[in-house]
């Protein structure tokens, strides 16, 4: 479904990703793990097109080399909204909600590019079933939600765009263990419903417990790849990169 080939990214002369190649097959849940600053978030931003767009808005210098191919078509030159239309939806790090909109309005914003109003209504009910607390909070401003509720809303908003491939960045960031487990249970349910997922997560043990395959990213390079069992079996990897 997705192939990232030899991706290299520089910010203002500093190399953030160095010759990174990643594949995601349809129906997989692939985890990318590694320490802070490894380049995990940059990888997702490059795939979703937001990296190039943010650099343009901020007038920062960034260079991307390599290819990103989705369902047989190169997408690395497309605008972010064109990539969303093709079925890749990015749930970003730190939620990035619309704080002065209600929960319901945030969900509607997730469906902004869609025209199928009847299906949108059905999908809102589906995300309410997945995250019942959001139905209770539907008229509440997003900025008043707890961290866990905010993360649920961020994932639900991404689902409203009807993703074929869902990119999820650091969903456990800042969450208490019980809330983190609820969020990961929801991610598993989304994957089991048929959505392919590329998950970036610093909590390697939790991410790999869900994943079908994993990549370890460190200092902008792929340090290892394989099944969760293979990665967790390697003691050097566990100590140096995975932290479990």
C-alpha atoms as a PDB file:
ATOM      1  CA  UNK A   1       0.000   0.000   0.000  1.00  0.00           C
ATOM      2  CA  UNK A   2       2.723   2.468   1.038  1.00  0.00           C
ATOM      3  CA  UNK A   3       6.393   2.499   0.112  1.00  0.00           C
ATOM      4  CA  UNK A   4       8.864   5.104   1.333  1.00  0.00           C
ATOM      5  CA  UNK A   5      12.061   4.750  -0.716  1.00  0.00           C
ATOM      6  CA  UNK A   6      15.425   6.223   0.323  1.00  0.00           C
ATOM      7  CA  UNK A   7      13.895   9.265   2.044  1.00  0.00           C
ATOM      8  CA  UNK A   8      16.408  11.884   3.184  1.00  0.00           C
ATOM      9  CA  UNK A   9      15.309  15.111   4.896  1.00  0.00           C
ATOM     10  CA  UNK A  10      17.441  18.147   5.819  1.00  0.00           C
ATOM     11  CA  UNK A  11      16.279  21.082   7.979  1.00  0.00           C
ATOM     12  CA  UNK A  12      18.480  24.146   7.509  1.00  0.00           C
ATOM     13  CA  UNK A  13      21.433  21.934   6.675  1.00  0.00           C
ATOM     14  CA  UNK A  14      20.914  19.397   9.496  1.00  0.00           C
ATOM     15  CA  UNK A  15      20.059  15.865   8.381  1.00  0.00           C
ATOM     16  CA  UNK A  16      16.932  14.562  10.134  1.00  0.00           C
ATOM     17  CA  UNK A  17      16.252  11.444   8.036  1.00  0.00           C
ATOM     18  CA  UNK A  18      18.989   9.591   6.203  1.00  0.00           C
ATOM     19  CA  UNK A  19      18.091   7.159   3.413  1.00  0.00           C
ATOM     20  CA  UNK A  20      14.999   5.786   5.182  1.00  0.00           C
ATOM     21  CA  UNK A  21      12.925   3.082   3.482  1.00  0.00           C
ATOM     22  CA  UNK A  22       9.658   1.792   4.951  1.00  0.00           C
ATOM     23  CA  UNK A  23       6.862  -0.398   3.579  1.00  0.00           C
ATOM     24  CA  UNK A  24       3.296  -0.856   4.792  1.00  0.00           C
ATOM     25  CA  UNK A  25       1.112  -3.564   3.285  1.00  0.00           C
ATOM     26  CA  UNK A  26      -2.673  -3.339   3.239  1.00  0.00           C
ATOM     27  CA  UNK A  27      -4.279  -4.436   6.546  1.00  0.00           C
ATOM     28  CA  UNK A  28      -1.009  -4.187   8.483  1.00  0.00           C
ATOM     29  CA  UNK A  29      -0.364  -2.286  11.691  1.00  0.00           C
ATOM     30  CA  UNK A  30       3.254  -1.190  11.401  1.00  0.00           C
ATOM     31  CA  UNK A  31       5.019   0.470  14.340  1.00  0.00           C
ATOM     32  CA  UNK A  32       7.966   2.855  14.094  1.00  0.00           C
ATOM     33  CA  UNK A  33       9.713   3.106  17.454  1.00  0.00           C
ATOM     34  CA  UNK A  34      12.861   4.739  18.755  1.00  0.00           C
ATOM     35  CA  UNK A  35      14.114   7.471  21.082  1.00  0.00           C
ATOM     36  CA  UNK A  36      13.199  11.157  21.071  1.00  0.00           C
ATOM     37  CA  UNK A  37      14.763  13.019  18.164  1.00  0.00           C
ATOM     38  CA  UNK A  38      15.091   9.900  16.026  1.00  0.00           C
ATOM     39  CA  UNK A  39      13.071  11.417  13.159  1.00  0.00           C
ATOM     40  CA  UNK A  40       9.813   9.518  13.693  1.00  0.00           C
ATOM     41  CA  UNK A  41       7.519  12.561  13.505  1.00  0.00           C
ATOM     42  CA  UNK A  42       9.399  13.906  10.479  1.00  0.00           C
ATOM     43  CA  UNK A  43       8.745  10.611   8.682  1.00  0.00           C
ATOM     44  CA  UNK A  44       4.973  10.911   9.160  1.00  0.00           C
ATOM     45  CA  UNK A  45       4.961  14.595   8.179  1.00  0.00           C
ATOM     46  CA  UNK A  46       6.840  13.747   4.993  1.00  0.00           C
ATOM     47  CA  UNK A  47       4.320  11.026   4.097  1.00  0.00           C
ATOM     48  CA  UNK A  48       1.288  13.254   4.737  1.00  0.00           C
ATOM     49  CA  UNK A  49       2.783  16.227   2.853  1.00  0.00           C
ATOM     50  CA  UNK A  50       2.570  18.503   5.884  1.00  0.00           C
ATOM     51  CA  UNK A  51       6.351  18.774   6.263  1.00  0.00           C
ATOM     52  CA  UNK A  52       6.832  20.550   2.954  1.00  0.00           C
ATOM     53  CA  UNK A  53       3.768  22.727   3.498  1.00  0.00           C
ATOM     54  CA  UNK A  54       4.830  23.798   7.007  1.00  0.00           C
ATOM     55  CA  UNK A  55       8.276  24.737   5.731  1.00  0.00           C
ATOM     56  CA  UNK A  56       6.676  26.892   3.037  1.00  0.00           C
ATOM     57  CA  UNK A  57       4.416  28.675   5.543  1.00  0.00           C
ATOM     58  CA  UNK A  58       7.230  29.230   8.058  1.00  0.00           C
ATOM     59  CA  UNK A  59       9.725  30.157   5.321  1.00  0.00           C
ATOM     60  CA  UNK A  60      12.144  27.547   6.639  1.00  0.00           C
ATOM     61  CA  UNK A  61      14.556  25.673   4.436  1.00  0.00           C
ATOM     62  CA  UNK A  62      13.909  21.968   4.071  1.00  0.00           C
ATOM     63  CA  UNK A  63      15.091  19.507   1.446  1.00  0.00           C
ATOM     64  CA  UNK A  64      13.462  16.162   0.784  1.00  0.00           C
ATOM     65  CA  UNK A  65      14.970  13.483  -1.441  1.00  0.00           C
ATOM     66  CA  UNK A  66      13.520  10.080  -2.184  1.00  0.00           C
ATOM     67  CA  UNK A  67      10.145   8.707  -3.217  1.00  0.00           C
ATOM     68  CA  UNK A  68       6.855   8.143  -1.409  1.00  0.00           C
ATOM     69  CA  UNK A  69       4.495   5.822  -3.266  1.00  0.00           C
ATOM     70  CA  UNK A  70       0.897   5.102  -2.239  1.00  0.00           C
ATOM     71  CA  UNK A  71      -1.141   2.466  -4.056  1.00  0.00           C
ATOM     72  CA  UNK A  72       1.302   2.580  -6.976  1.00  0.00           C
ATOM     73  CA  UNK A  73       1.349   6.391  -7.349  1.00  0.00           C
ATOM     74  CA  UNK A  74       4.024   8.857  -6.260  1.00  0.00           C
ATOM     75  CA  UNK A  75       2.623  11.349  -3.756  1.00  0.00           C
ATOM     76  CA  UNK A  76       5.734  13.152  -2.511  1.00  0.00           C
ATOM     77  CA  UNK A  77       4.987  16.260  -4.614  1.00  0.00           C
ATOM     78  CA  UNK A  78       1.291  16.488  -3.697  1.00  0.00           C
ATOM     79  CA  UNK A  79      -0.352  18.983  -1.352  1.00  0.00           C
ATOM     80  CA  UNK A  80      -1.563  17.614   2.006  1.00  0.00           C
ATOM     81  CA  UNK A  81      -5.253  17.866   1.088  1.00  0.00           C
ATOM     82  CA  UNK A  82      -4.657  15.911  -2.125  1.00  0.00           C
ATOM     83  CA  UNK A  83      -2.972  13.195  -0.065  1.00  0.00           C
ATOM     84  CA  UNK A  84      -5.990  13.106   2.286  1.00  0.00           C
ATOM     85  CA  UNK A  85      -8.270  12.690  -0.725  1.00  0.00           C
ATOM     86  CA  UNK A  86      -6.240   9.649  -1.765  1.00  0.00           C
ATOM     87  CA  UNK A  87      -6.834   8.067   1.647  1.00  0.00           C
ATOM     88  CA  UNK A  88      -3.847   8.928   3.880  1.00  0.00           C
ATOM     89  CA  UNK A  89      -4.891  10.735   7.059  1.00  0.00           C
ATOM     90  CA  UNK A  90      -2.466  12.026   9.676  1.00  0.00           C
ATOM     91  CA  UNK A  91      -3.364  12.132  13.386  1.00  0.00           C
ATOM     92  CA  UNK A  92      -0.577  14.428  14.603  1.00  0.00           C
ATOM     93  CA  UNK A  93       1.526  14.514  17.732  1.00  0.00           C
ATOM     94  CA  UNK A  94       0.050  16.605  20.598  1.00  0.00           C
ATOM     95  CA  UNK A  95      -3.514  16.283  19.220  1.00  0.00           C
ATOM     96  CA  UNK A  96      -3.596  19.640  17.298  1.00  0.00           C
ATOM     97  CA  UNK A  97      -7.307  20.095  17.932  1.00  0.00           C
ATOM     98  CA  UNK A  98      -9.314  23.218  17.123  1.00  0.00           C
ATOM     99  CA  UNK A  99      -9.470  24.409  20.759  1.00  0.00           C
ATOM    100  CA  UNK A 100     -12.332  26.900  20.457  1.00  0.00           C
ATOM    101  CA  UNK A 101     -14.568  24.506  18.557  1.00  0.00           C
ATOM    102  CA  UNK A 102     -16.758  21.897  20.180  1.00  0.00           C
ATOM    103  CA  UNK A 103     -16.078  18.182  20.037  1.00  0.00           C
ATOM    104  CA  UNK A 104     -18.788  17.831  17.385  1.00  0.00           C
ATOM    105  CA  UNK A 105     -17.362  20.699  15.303  1.00  0.00           C
ATOM    106  CA  UNK A 106     -13.892  19.114  15.415  1.00  0.00           C
ATOM    107  CA  UNK A 107     -15.400  15.885  14.076  1.00  0.00           C
ATOM    108  CA  UNK A 108     -17.129  17.760  11.273  1.00  0.00           C
ATOM    109  CA  UNK A 109     -13.824  19.414  10.363  1.00  0.00           C
ATOM    110  CA  UNK A 110     -12.374  15.936   9.943  1.00  0.00           C
ATOM    111  CA  UNK A 111     -14.920  15.287   7.196  1.00  0.00           C
ATOM    112  CA  UNK A 112     -14.297  18.647   5.471  1.00  0.00           C
ATOM    113  CA  UNK A 113     -13.324  17.154   2.092  1.00  0.00           C
ATOM    114  CA  UNK A 114     -16.281  14.767   1.992  1.00  0.00           C
ATOM    115  CA  UNK A 115     -19.646  15.399   0.316  1.00  0.00           C
ATOM    116  CA  UNK A 116     -21.581  12.309   1.471  1.00  0.00           C
ATOM    117  CA  UNK A 117     -23.661  13.891   4.244  1.00  0.00           C
ATOM    118  CA  UNK A 118     -25.630  10.768   5.133  1.00  0.00           C
ATOM    119  CA  UNK A 119     -22.430   8.739   5.518  1.00  0.00           C
ATOM    120  CA  UNK A 120     -20.858  11.528   7.575  1.00  0.00           C
ATOM    121  CA  UNK A 121     -23.743  11.316  10.039  1.00  0.00           C
ATOM    122  CA  UNK A 122     -23.312   7.543  10.249  1.00  0.00           C
ATOM    123  CA  UNK A 123     -19.568   7.909  10.797  1.00  0.00           C
ATOM    124  CA  UNK A 124     -20.126  10.365  13.634  1.00  0.00           C
ATOM    125  CA  UNK A 125     -22.282   7.744  15.337  1.00  0.00           C
ATOM    126  CA  UNK A 126     -19.574   5.136  14.719  1.00  0.00           C
ATOM    127  CA  UNK A 127     -16.880   7.241  16.392  1.00  0.00           C
ATOM    128  CA  UNK A 128     -19.271   7.910  19.281  1.00  0.00           C
ATOM    129  CA  UNK A 129     -19.608   4.128  19.664  1.00  0.00           C
ATOM    130  CA  UNK A 130     -15.818   3.788  19.620  1.00  0.00           C
ATOM    131  CA  UNK A 131     -15.334   6.694  22.045  1.00  0.00           C
ATOM    132  CA  UNK A 132     -18.537   7.053  24.122  1.00  0.00           C
ATOM    133  CA  UNK A 133     -17.047   9.904  26.169  1.00  0.00           C
ATOM    134  CA  UNK A 134     -17.000  12.060  23.021  1.00  0.00           C
ATOM    135  CA  UNK A 135     -20.771  11.755  22.704  1.00  0.00           C
ATOM    136  CA  UNK A 136     -21.111  12.956  26.291  1.00  0.00           C
ATOM    137  CA  UNK A 137     -18.760  15.854  25.528  1.00  0.00           C
ATOM    138  CA  UNK A 138     -20.034  16.675  22.018  1.00  0.00           C
ATOM    139  CA  UNK A 139     -21.078  20.243  22.900  1.00  0.00           C
ATOM    140  CA  UNK A 140     -18.008  20.907  25.017  1.00  0.00           C
ATOM    141  CA  UNK A 141     -15.098  23.035  23.779  1.00  0.00           C
ATOM    142  CA  UNK A 142     -12.108  20.918  22.770  1.00  0.00           C
ATOM    143  CA  UNK A 143      -9.775  23.015  24.922  1.00  0.00           C
ATOM    144  CA  UNK A 144     -11.602  21.845  28.063  1.00  0.00           C
ATOM    145  CA  UNK A 145     -10.993  18.128  27.443  1.00  0.00           C
ATOM    146  CA  UNK A 146      -8.552  16.050  29.447  1.00  0.00           C
ATOM    147  CA  UNK A 147      -5.420  14.730  27.719  1.00  0.00           C
ATOM    148  CA  UNK A 148      -6.960  11.321  27.145  1.00  0.00           C
ATOM    149  CA  UNK A 149     -10.235  12.760  25.851  1.00  0.00           C
ATOM    150  CA  UNK A 150      -8.275  15.081  23.547  1.00  0.00           C
ATOM    151  CA  UNK A 151      -6.329  12.160  22.103  1.00  0.00           C
ATOM    152  CA  UNK A 152      -9.547  10.231  21.514  1.00  0.00           C
ATOM    153  CA  UNK A 153     -10.973  13.256  19.710  1.00  0.00           C
ATOM    154  CA  UNK A 154      -7.837  13.607  17.562  1.00  0.00           C
ATOM    155  CA  UNK A 155      -8.104   9.977  16.455  1.00  0.00           C
ATOM    156  CA  UNK A 156     -11.874  10.261  15.920  1.00  0.00           C
ATOM    157  CA  UNK A 157     -11.435  13.417  13.827  1.00  0.00           C
ATOM    158  CA  UNK A 158      -8.891  11.576  11.643  1.00  0.00           C
ATOM    159  CA  UNK A 159     -11.351   8.698  11.186  1.00  0.00           C
ATOM    160  CA  UNK A 160     -13.957  11.148   9.901  1.00  0.00           C
ATOM    161  CA  UNK A 161     -11.808  11.589   6.786  1.00  0.00           C
ATOM    162  CA  UNK A 162     -12.360   7.874   5.924  1.00  0.00           C
ATOM    163  CA  UNK A 163      -8.688   6.835   5.848  1.00  0.00           C
ATOM    164  CA  UNK A 164      -7.355   3.850   3.958  1.00  0.00           C
ATOM    165  CA  UNK A 165      -4.063   4.426   5.786  1.00  0.00           C
ATOM    166  CA  UNK A 166      -4.078   6.117   9.186  1.00  0.00           C
ATOM    167  CA  UNK A 167      -0.845   7.730  10.419  1.00  0.00           C
ATOM    168  CA  UNK A 168      -0.854   8.066  14.216  1.00  0.00           C
ATOM    169  CA  UNK A 169       1.903  10.049  15.928  1.00  0.00           C
ATOM    170  CA  UNK A 170       2.738   9.463  19.625  1.00  0.00           C
ATOM    171  CA  UNK A 171      -0.819   8.750  20.856  1.00  0.00           C
ATOM    172  CA  UNK A 172       0.347   7.947  24.404  1.00  0.00           C
ATOM    173  CA  UNK A 173       2.215  11.234  24.906  1.00  0.00           C
ATOM    174  CA  UNK A 174       1.463  12.666  28.353  1.00  0.00           C
ATOM    175  CA  UNK A 175      -1.213  10.109  29.242  1.00  0.00           C
ATOM    176  CA  UNK A 176      -1.606   8.156  32.482  1.00  0.00           C
ATOM    177  CA  UNK A 177      -1.139   4.364  32.111  1.00  0.00           C
ATOM    178  CA  UNK A 178      -4.848   3.472  32.342  1.00  0.00           C
ATOM    179  CA  UNK A 179      -5.819   6.120  29.794  1.00  0.00           C
ATOM    180  CA  UNK A 180      -2.950   5.065  27.539  1.00  0.00           C
ATOM    181  CA  UNK A 181      -4.268   1.497  27.569  1.00  0.00           C
ATOM    182  CA  UNK A 182      -7.760   2.699  26.581  1.00  0.00           C
ATOM    183  CA  UNK A 183      -6.329   4.649  23.657  1.00  0.00           C
ATOM    184  CA  UNK A 184      -4.309   1.663  22.459  1.00  0.00           C
ATOM    185  CA  UNK A 185      -7.342  -0.619  22.796  1.00  0.00           C
ATOM    186  CA  UNK A 186      -9.183   1.805  20.502  1.00  0.00           C
ATOM    187  CA  UNK A 187      -6.321   1.784  17.984  1.00  0.00           C
ATOM    188  CA  UNK A 188      -6.469  -2.009  17.924  1.00  0.00           C
ATOM    189  CA  UNK A 189     -10.230  -1.886  17.333  1.00  0.00           C
ATOM    190  CA  UNK A 190      -9.764   0.578  14.446  1.00  0.00           C
ATOM    191  CA  UNK A 191      -7.143  -1.690  12.875  1.00  0.00           C
ATOM    192  CA  UNK A 192      -9.346  -4.763  13.285  1.00  0.00           C
ATOM    193  CA  UNK A 193     -12.171  -2.887  11.523  1.00  0.00           C
ATOM    194  CA  UNK A 194     -10.028  -2.818   8.364  1.00  0.00           C
ATOM    195  CA  UNK A 195      -8.016   0.412   8.539  1.00  0.00           C
ATOM    196  CA  UNK A 196      -4.293   0.038   7.800  1.00  0.00           C
ATOM    197  CA  UNK A 197      -2.180   1.863  10.400  1.00  0.00           C
ATOM    198  CA  UNK A 198       1.338   3.283  10.565  1.00  0.00           C
ATOM    199  CA  UNK A 199       1.965   4.034  14.232  1.00  0.00           C
ATOM    200  CA  UNK A 200       4.810   6.154  15.605  1.00  0.00           C
ATOM    201  CA  UNK A 201       5.265   5.672  19.328  1.00  0.00           C
ATOM    202  CA  UNK A 202       7.945   6.141  21.967  1.00  0.00           C
ATOM    203  CA  UNK A 203       6.443   3.447  24.213  1.00  0.00           C
ATOM    204  CA  UNK A 204       7.983   0.639  22.186  1.00  0.00           C
ATOM    205  CA  UNK A 205       6.656  -2.261  24.228  1.00  0.00           C
ATOM    206  CA  UNK A 206       3.064  -1.087  23.889  1.00  0.00           C
ATOM    207  CA  UNK A 207       3.389  -0.295  20.182  1.00  0.00           C
ATOM    208  CA  UNK A 208       5.055  -3.599  19.359  1.00  0.00           C
ATOM    209  CA  UNK A 209       2.446  -5.507  21.357  1.00  0.00           C
ATOM    210  CA  UNK A 210      -0.088  -4.405  18.700  1.00  0.00           C
ATOM    211  CA  UNK A 211       2.037  -4.348  15.576  1.00  0.00           C
ATOM    212  CA  UNK A 212       2.378  -6.910  12.810  1.00  0.00           C
ATOM    213  CA  UNK A 213       5.825  -5.517  11.959  1.00  0.00           C
ATOM    214  CA  UNK A 214       8.125  -2.870  13.339  1.00  0.00           C
ATOM    215  CA  UNK A 215      10.953  -0.509  12.449  1.00  0.00           C
ATOM    216  CA  UNK A 216      13.478   0.926  14.887  1.00  0.00           C
ATOM    217  CA  UNK A 217      14.518   4.457  13.923  1.00  0.00           C
ATOM    218  CA  UNK A 218      17.572   6.063  15.501  1.00  0.00           C
ATOM    219  CA  UNK A 219      19.496   9.211  14.505  1.00  0.00           C
ATOM    220  CA  UNK A 220      17.469   9.395  11.314  1.00  0.00           C
ATOM    221  CA  UNK A 221      18.341   5.878  10.139  1.00  0.00           C
ATOM    222  CA  UNK A 222      16.543   2.540  10.224  1.00  0.00           C
ATOM    223  CA  UNK A 223      18.509   0.628  12.874  1.00  0.00           C
ATOM    224  CA  UNK A 224      16.450  -2.574  12.587  1.00  0.00           C
ATOM    225  CA  UNK A 225      13.223  -3.992  11.226  1.00  0.00           C
ATOM    226  CA  UNK A 226      11.228  -7.180  11.618  1.00  0.00           C
ATOM    227  CA  UNK A 227       8.390  -8.769  13.503  1.00  0.00           C
ATOM    228  CA  UNK A 228       7.799  -7.609  17.086  1.00  0.00           C
ATOM    229  CA  UNK A 229       9.098 -10.965  18.295  1.00  0.00           C
ATOM    230  CA  UNK A 230      12.345 -10.560  16.340  1.00  0.00           C
ATOM    231  CA  UNK A 231      12.911  -7.014  17.582  1.00  0.00           C
ATOM    232  CA  UNK A 232      12.144  -7.785  21.217  1.00  0.00           C
ATOM    233  CA  UNK A 233      14.286 -10.920  21.152  1.00  0.00           C
ATOM    234  CA  UNK A 234      17.410  -8.917  20.277  1.00  0.00           C
ATOM    235  CA  UNK A 235      18.848  -7.784  23.624  1.00  0.00           C
ATOM    236  CA  UNK A 236      21.167  -5.168  22.114  1.00  0.00           C
ATOM    237  CA  UNK A 237      18.232  -3.522  20.306  1.00  0.00           C
ATOM    238  CA  UNK A 238      16.108  -3.643  23.441  1.00  0.00           C
ATOM    239  CA  UNK A 239      18.747  -1.885  25.531  1.00  0.00           C
ATOM    240  CA  UNK A 240      19.976   0.634  22.953  1.00  0.00           C
ATOM    241  CA  UNK A 241      16.836   1.677  21.078  1.00  0.00           C
ATOM    242  CA  UNK A 242      13.625   0.140  22.357  1.00  0.00           C
ATOM    243  CA  UNK A 243      14.109   0.699  26.070  1.00  0.00           C
ATOM    244  CA  UNK A 244      12.330  -2.469  27.270  1.00  0.00           C
END
